[in-house]
Amino acid sequence: SPAAVRLGTTQSGVSHAVRGIERKV
């Protein structure tokens, strides 16, 4: 949530991005 505020996006967007990065890595 605080990362979303910093990035100007939503909490769900950040969560989705992290899951995608973890899948890639």
PDB file of all heavy atoms in Angstrom:
ATOM      1  N   SER A   1       0.820  -1.220   0.000  1.00  0.00           N
ATOM      2  CA  SER A   1       0.000   0.000   0.000  1.00  0.00           C
ATOM      3  C   SER A   1       0.852   1.269   0.000  1.00  0.00           C
ATOM      4  O   SER A   1       0.638   2.161  -0.825  1.00  0.00           O
ATOM      5  CB  SER A   1      -0.965   0.003   1.186  1.00  0.00           C
ATOM      6  OG  SER A   1      -1.910  -1.042   1.055  1.00  0.00           O
ATOM      7  N   PRO A   2       1.836   1.405   0.927  1.00  0.00           N
ATOM      8  CA  PRO A   2       2.668   2.605   0.881  1.00  0.00           C
ATOM      9  C   PRO A   2       3.499   2.699  -0.396  1.00  0.00           C
ATOM     10  O   PRO A   2       3.767   3.794  -0.888  1.00  0.00           O
ATOM     11  CB  PRO A   2       3.547   2.494   2.123  1.00  0.00           C
ATOM     12  CG  PRO A   2       3.506   1.064   2.523  1.00  0.00           C
ATOM     13  CD  PRO A   2       2.168   0.563   2.102  1.00  0.00           C
ATOM     14  N   ALA A   3       3.891   1.544  -0.944  1.00  0.00           N
ATOM     15  CA  ALA A   3       4.624   1.567  -2.213  1.00  0.00           C
ATOM     16  C   ALA A   3       3.731   2.098  -3.330  1.00  0.00           C
ATOM     17  O   ALA A   3       4.183   2.838  -4.210  1.00  0.00           O
ATOM     18  CB  ALA A   3       5.128   0.167  -2.550  1.00  0.00           C
ATOM     19  N   ALA A   4       2.439   1.710  -3.286  1.00  0.00           N
ATOM     20  CA  ALA A   4       1.490   2.191  -4.300  1.00  0.00           C
ATOM     21  C   ALA A   4       1.346   3.706  -4.237  1.00  0.00           C
ATOM     22  O   ALA A   4       1.287   4.383  -5.267  1.00  0.00           O
ATOM     23  CB  ALA A   4       0.136   1.508  -4.108  1.00  0.00           C
ATOM     24  N   VAL A   5       1.274   4.250  -3.027  1.00  0.00           N
ATOM     25  CA  VAL A   5       1.188   5.705  -2.866  1.00  0.00           C
ATOM     26  C   VAL A   5       2.412   6.372  -3.464  1.00  0.00           C
ATOM     27  O   VAL A   5       2.319   7.365  -4.188  1.00  0.00           O
ATOM     28  CB  VAL A   5       1.038   6.076  -1.370  1.00  0.00           C
ATOM     29  CG1 VAL A   5       1.122   7.586  -1.183  1.00  0.00           C
ATOM     30  CG2 VAL A   5      -0.281   5.535  -0.819  1.00  0.00           C
ATOM     31  N   ARG A   6       3.564   5.832  -3.163  1.00  0.00           N
ATOM     32  CA  ARG A   6       4.818   6.394  -3.689  1.00  0.00           C
ATOM     33  C   ARG A   6       4.872   6.353  -5.208  1.00  0.00           C
ATOM     34  O   ARG A   6       5.358   7.295  -5.856  1.00  0.00           O
ATOM     35  CB  ARG A   6       5.992   5.624  -3.094  1.00  0.00           C
ATOM     36  CG  ARG A   6       7.345   5.899  -3.723  1.00  0.00           C
ATOM     37  CD  ARG A   6       8.421   5.285  -2.867  1.00  0.00           C
ATOM     38  NE  ARG A   6       9.663   5.058  -3.580  1.00  0.00           N
ATOM     39  CZ  ARG A   6      10.775   4.611  -3.019  1.00  0.00           C
ATOM     40  NH1 ARG A   6      10.811   4.354  -1.722  1.00  0.00           N
ATOM     41  NH2 ARG A   6      11.876   4.417  -3.734  1.00  0.00           N
ATOM     42  N   LEU A   7       4.366   5.272  -5.789  1.00  0.00           N
ATOM     43  CA  LEU A   7       4.439   5.089  -7.237  1.00  0.00           C
ATOM     44  C   LEU A   7       3.252   5.683  -7.974  1.00  0.00           C
ATOM     45  O   LEU A   7       3.240   5.705  -9.212  1.00  0.00           O
ATOM     46  CB  LEU A   7       4.541   3.593  -7.558  1.00  0.00           C
ATOM     47  CG  LEU A   7       5.810   2.886  -7.053  1.00  0.00           C
ATOM     48  CD1 LEU A   7       5.671   1.374  -7.192  1.00  0.00           C
ATOM     49  CD2 LEU A   7       7.034   3.379  -7.817  1.00  0.00           C
ATOM     50  N   GLY A   8       2.254   6.140  -7.238  1.00  0.00           N
ATOM     51  CA  GLY A   8       1.083   6.719  -7.876  1.00  0.00           C
ATOM     52  C   GLY A   8       0.195   5.695  -8.554  1.00  0.00           C
ATOM     53  O   GLY A   8      -0.398   5.955  -9.607  1.00  0.00           O
ATOM     54  N   THR A   9       0.079   4.518  -7.947  1.00  0.00           N
ATOM     55  CA  THR A   9      -0.752   3.461  -8.512  1.00  0.00           C
ATOM     56  C   THR A   9      -1.589   2.851  -7.404  1.00  0.00           C
ATOM     57  O   THR A   9      -1.753   3.444  -6.332  1.00  0.00           O
ATOM     58  CB  THR A   9       0.122   2.402  -9.216  1.00  0.00           C
ATOM     59  OG1 THR A   9      -0.716   1.446  -9.858  1.00  0.00           O
ATOM     60  CG2 THR A   9       1.054   1.702  -8.242  1.00  0.00           C
ATOM     61  N   THR A  10      -2.115   1.648  -7.620  1.00  0.00           N
ATOM     62  CA  THR A  10      -2.976   1.005  -6.626  1.00  0.00           C
ATOM     63  C   THR A  10      -2.240  -0.124  -5.918  1.00  0.00           C
ATOM     64  O   THR A  10      -1.263  -0.674  -6.435  1.00  0.00           O
ATOM     65  CB  THR A  10      -4.227   0.423  -7.295  1.00  0.00           C
ATOM     66  OG1 THR A  10      -3.843  -0.602  -8.222  1.00  0.00           O
ATOM     67  CG2 THR A  10      -4.999   1.519  -8.028  1.00  0.00           C
ATOM     68  N   GLN A  11      -2.770  -0.484  -4.728  1.00  0.00           N
ATOM     69  CA  GLN A  11      -2.179  -1.590  -3.983  1.00  0.00           C
ATOM     70  C   GLN A  11      -2.267  -2.888  -4.783  1.00  0.00           C
ATOM     71  O   GLN A  11      -1.313  -3.674  -4.820  1.00  0.00           O
ATOM     72  CB  GLN A  11      -2.891  -1.729  -2.638  1.00  0.00           C
ATOM     73  CG  GLN A  11      -2.280  -2.763  -1.701  1.00  0.00           C
ATOM     74  CD  GLN A  11      -2.831  -4.180  -1.916  1.00  0.00           C
ATOM     75  OE1 GLN A  11      -3.878  -4.340  -2.544  1.00  0.00           O
ATOM     76  NE2 GLN A  11      -2.120  -5.177  -1.419  1.00  0.00           N
ATOM     77  N   SER A  12      -3.400  -3.103  -5.426  1.00  0.00           N
ATOM     78  CA  SER A  12      -3.554  -4.327  -6.209  1.00  0.00           C
ATOM     79  C   SER A  12      -2.599  -4.341  -7.394  1.00  0.00           C
ATOM     80  O   SER A  12      -2.084  -5.399  -7.778  1.00  0.00           O
ATOM     81  CB  SER A  12      -5.003  -4.458  -6.705  1.00  0.00           C
ATOM     82  OG  SER A  12      -5.357  -3.355  -7.521  1.00  0.00           O
ATOM     83  N   GLY A  13      -2.323  -3.159  -7.960  1.00  0.00           N
ATOM     84  CA  GLY A  13      -1.383  -3.087  -9.070  1.00  0.00           C
ATOM     85  C   GLY A  13       0.027  -3.454  -8.639  1.00  0.00           C
ATOM     86  O   GLY A  13       0.748  -4.180  -9.347  1.00  0.00           O
ATOM     87  N   VAL A  14       0.417  -2.987  -7.460  1.00  0.00           N
ATOM     88  CA  VAL A  14       1.741  -3.323  -6.936  1.00  0.00           C
ATOM     89  C   VAL A  14       1.820  -4.813  -6.615  1.00  0.00           C
ATOM     90  O   VAL A  14       2.811  -5.483  -6.937  1.00  0.00           O
ATOM     91  CB  VAL A  14       2.053  -2.488  -5.679  1.00  0.00           C
ATOM     92  CG1 VAL A  14       3.318  -2.999  -4.986  1.00  0.00           C
ATOM     93  CG2 VAL A  14       2.213  -1.017  -6.049  1.00  0.00           C
ATOM     94  N   SER A  15       0.790  -5.341  -5.976  1.00  0.00           N
ATOM     95  CA  SER A  15       0.763  -6.760  -5.633  1.00  0.00           C
ATOM     96  C   SER A  15       0.862  -7.625  -6.880  1.00  0.00           C
ATOM     97  O   SER A  15       1.611  -8.606  -6.921  1.00  0.00           O
ATOM     98  CB  SER A  15      -0.520  -7.088  -4.866  1.00  0.00           C
ATOM     99  OG  SER A  15      -0.578  -8.464  -4.553  1.00  0.00           O
ATOM    100  N   HIS A  16       0.112  -7.250  -7.906  1.00  0.00           N
ATOM    101  CA  HIS A  16       0.146  -7.996  -9.173  1.00  0.00           C
ATOM    102  C   HIS A  16       1.534  -7.919  -9.798  1.00  0.00           C
ATOM    103  O   HIS A  16       2.060  -8.929 -10.311  1.00  0.00           O
ATOM    104  CB  HIS A  16      -0.899  -7.415 -10.130  1.00  0.00           C
ATOM    105  CG  HIS A  16      -0.896  -8.063 -11.483  1.00  0.00           C
ATOM    106  ND1 HIS A  16      -1.431  -9.310 -11.709  1.00  0.00           N
ATOM    107  CD2 HIS A  16      -0.400  -7.630 -12.687  1.00  0.00           C
ATOM    108  CE1 HIS A  16      -1.277  -9.625 -12.991  1.00  0.00           C
ATOM    109  NE2 HIS A  16      -0.654  -8.624 -13.606  1.00  0.00           N
ATOM    110  N   ALA A  17       2.155  -6.737  -9.752  1.00  0.00           N
ATOM    111  CA  ALA A  17       3.492  -6.580 -10.328  1.00  0.00           C
ATOM    112  C   ALA A  17       4.513  -7.439  -9.610  1.00  0.00           C
ATOM    113  O   ALA A  17       5.359  -8.081 -10.247  1.00  0.00           O
ATOM    114  CB  ALA A  17       3.906  -5.111 -10.279  1.00  0.00           C
ATOM    115  N   VAL A  18       4.438  -7.475  -8.275  1.00  0.00           N
ATOM    116  CA  VAL A  18       5.399  -8.282  -7.515  1.00  0.00           C
ATOM    117  C   VAL A  18       5.223  -9.761  -7.834  1.00  0.00           C
ATOM    118  O   VAL A  18       6.213 -10.492  -8.008  1.00  0.00           O
ATOM    119  CB  VAL A  18       5.248  -8.019  -6.003  1.00  0.00           C
ATOM    120  CG1 VAL A  18       6.075  -9.020  -5.193  1.00  0.00           C
ATOM    121  CG2 VAL A  18       5.677  -6.601  -5.663  1.00  0.00           C
ATOM    122  N   ARG A  19       3.982 -10.222  -7.917  1.00  0.00           N
ATOM    123  CA  ARG A  19       3.759 -11.630  -8.257  1.00  0.00           C
ATOM    124  C   ARG A  19       4.333 -11.943  -9.633  1.00  0.00           C
ATOM    125  O   ARG A  19       4.941 -13.001  -9.840  1.00  0.00           O
ATOM    126  CB  ARG A  19       2.266 -11.966  -8.221  1.00  0.00           C
ATOM    127  CG  ARG A  19       1.679 -12.028  -6.819  1.00  0.00           C
ATOM    128  CD  ARG A  19       0.339 -12.754  -6.813  1.00  0.00           C
ATOM    129  NE  ARG A  19      -0.632 -12.095  -7.688  1.00  0.00           N
ATOM    130  CZ  ARG A  19      -1.458 -11.120  -7.310  1.00  0.00           C
ATOM    131  NH1 ARG A  19      -1.421 -10.676  -6.050  1.00  0.00           N
ATOM    132  NH2 ARG A  19      -2.313 -10.582  -8.155  1.00  0.00           N
ATOM    133  N   GLY A  20       4.177 -11.023 -10.561  1.00  0.00           N
ATOM    134  CA  GLY A  20       4.720 -11.231 -11.898  1.00  0.00           C
ATOM    135  C   GLY A  20       6.239 -11.282 -11.899  1.00  0.00           C
ATOM    136  O   GLY A  20       6.856 -12.106 -12.589  1.00  0.00           O
ATOM    137  N   ILE A  21       6.858 -10.413 -11.122  1.00  0.00           N
ATOM    138  CA  ILE A  21       8.324 -10.405 -11.026  1.00  0.00           C
ATOM    139  C   ILE A  21       8.812 -11.707 -10.413  1.00  0.00           C
ATOM    140  O   ILE A  21       9.793 -12.311 -10.880  1.00  0.00           O
ATOM    141  CB  ILE A  21       8.794  -9.196 -10.193  1.00  0.00           C
ATOM    142  CG1 ILE A  21       8.418  -7.891 -10.894  1.00  0.00           C
ATOM    143  CG2 ILE A  21      10.296  -9.262  -9.958  1.00  0.00           C
ATOM    144  CD1 ILE A  21       8.549  -6.660 -10.023  1.00  0.00           C
ATOM    145  N   GLU A  22       8.138 -12.163  -9.352  1.00  0.00           N
ATOM    146  CA  GLU A  22       8.534 -13.409  -8.699  1.00  0.00           C
ATOM    147  C   GLU A  22       8.393 -14.598  -9.650  1.00  0.00           C
ATOM    148  O   GLU A  22       9.225 -15.517  -9.627  1.00  0.00           O
ATOM    149  CB  GLU A  22       7.712 -13.616  -7.431  1.00  0.00           C
ATOM    150  CG  GLU A  22       8.071 -12.632  -6.311  1.00  0.00           C
ATOM    151  CD  GLU A  22       7.203 -12.778  -5.084  1.00  0.00           C
ATOM    152  OE1 GLU A  22       6.016 -13.174  -5.238  1.00  0.00           O
ATOM    153  OE2 GLU A  22       7.694 -12.509  -3.972  1.00  0.00           O
ATOM    154  N   ARG A  23       7.377 -14.587 -10.488  1.00  0.00           N
ATOM    155  CA  ARG A  23       7.241 -15.668 -11.472  1.00  0.00           C
ATOM    156  C   ARG A  23       8.406 -15.644 -12.456  1.00  0.00           C
ATOM    157  O   ARG A  23       8.960 -16.691 -12.811  1.00  0.00           O
ATOM    158  CB  ARG A  23       5.912 -15.542 -12.219  1.00  0.00           C
ATOM    159  CG  ARG A  23       4.703 -16.030 -11.441  1.00  0.00           C
ATOM    160  CD  ARG A  23       3.501 -16.248 -12.349  1.00  0.00           C
ATOM    161  NE  ARG A  23       3.099 -15.002 -13.007  1.00  0.00           N
ATOM    162  CZ  ARG A  23       2.218 -14.137 -12.490  1.00  0.00           C
ATOM    163  NH1 ARG A  23       1.656 -14.382 -11.307  1.00  0.00           N
ATOM    164  NH2 ARG A  23       1.894 -13.050 -13.153  1.00  0.00           N
ATOM    165  N   LYS A  24       8.763 -14.456 -12.891  1.00  0.00           N
ATOM    166  CA  LYS A  24       9.871 -14.343 -13.846  1.00  0.00           C
ATOM    167  C   LYS A  24      11.189 -14.797 -13.232  1.00  0.00           C
ATOM    168  O   LYS A  24      11.978 -15.504 -13.860  1.00  0.00           O
ATOM    169  CB  LYS A  24      10.008 -12.894 -14.319  1.00  0.00           C
ATOM    170  CG  LYS A  24       8.903 -12.414 -15.232  1.00  0.00           C
ATOM    171  CD  LYS A  24       9.174 -10.974 -15.663  1.00  0.00           C
ATOM    172  CE  LYS A  24       8.081 -10.442 -16.586  1.00  0.00           C
ATOM    173  NZ  LYS A  24       8.348  -9.047 -17.034  1.00  0.00           N
ATOM    174  N   VAL A  25      11.439 -14.376 -11.988  1.00  0.00           N
ATOM    175  CA  VAL A  25      12.714 -14.686 -11.339  1.00  0.00           C
ATOM    176  C   VAL A  25      12.734 -16.119 -10.835  1.00  0.00           C
ATOM    177  O   VAL A  25      13.781 -16.775 -10.789  1.00  0.00           O
ATOM    178  CB  VAL A  25      12.970 -13.695 -10.185  1.00  0.00           C
ATOM    179  CG1 VAL A  25      14.247 -14.041  -9.431  1.00  0.00           C
ATOM    180  CG2 VAL A  25      13.056 -12.268 -10.727  1.00  0.00           C
TER     181      VAL A  25
END
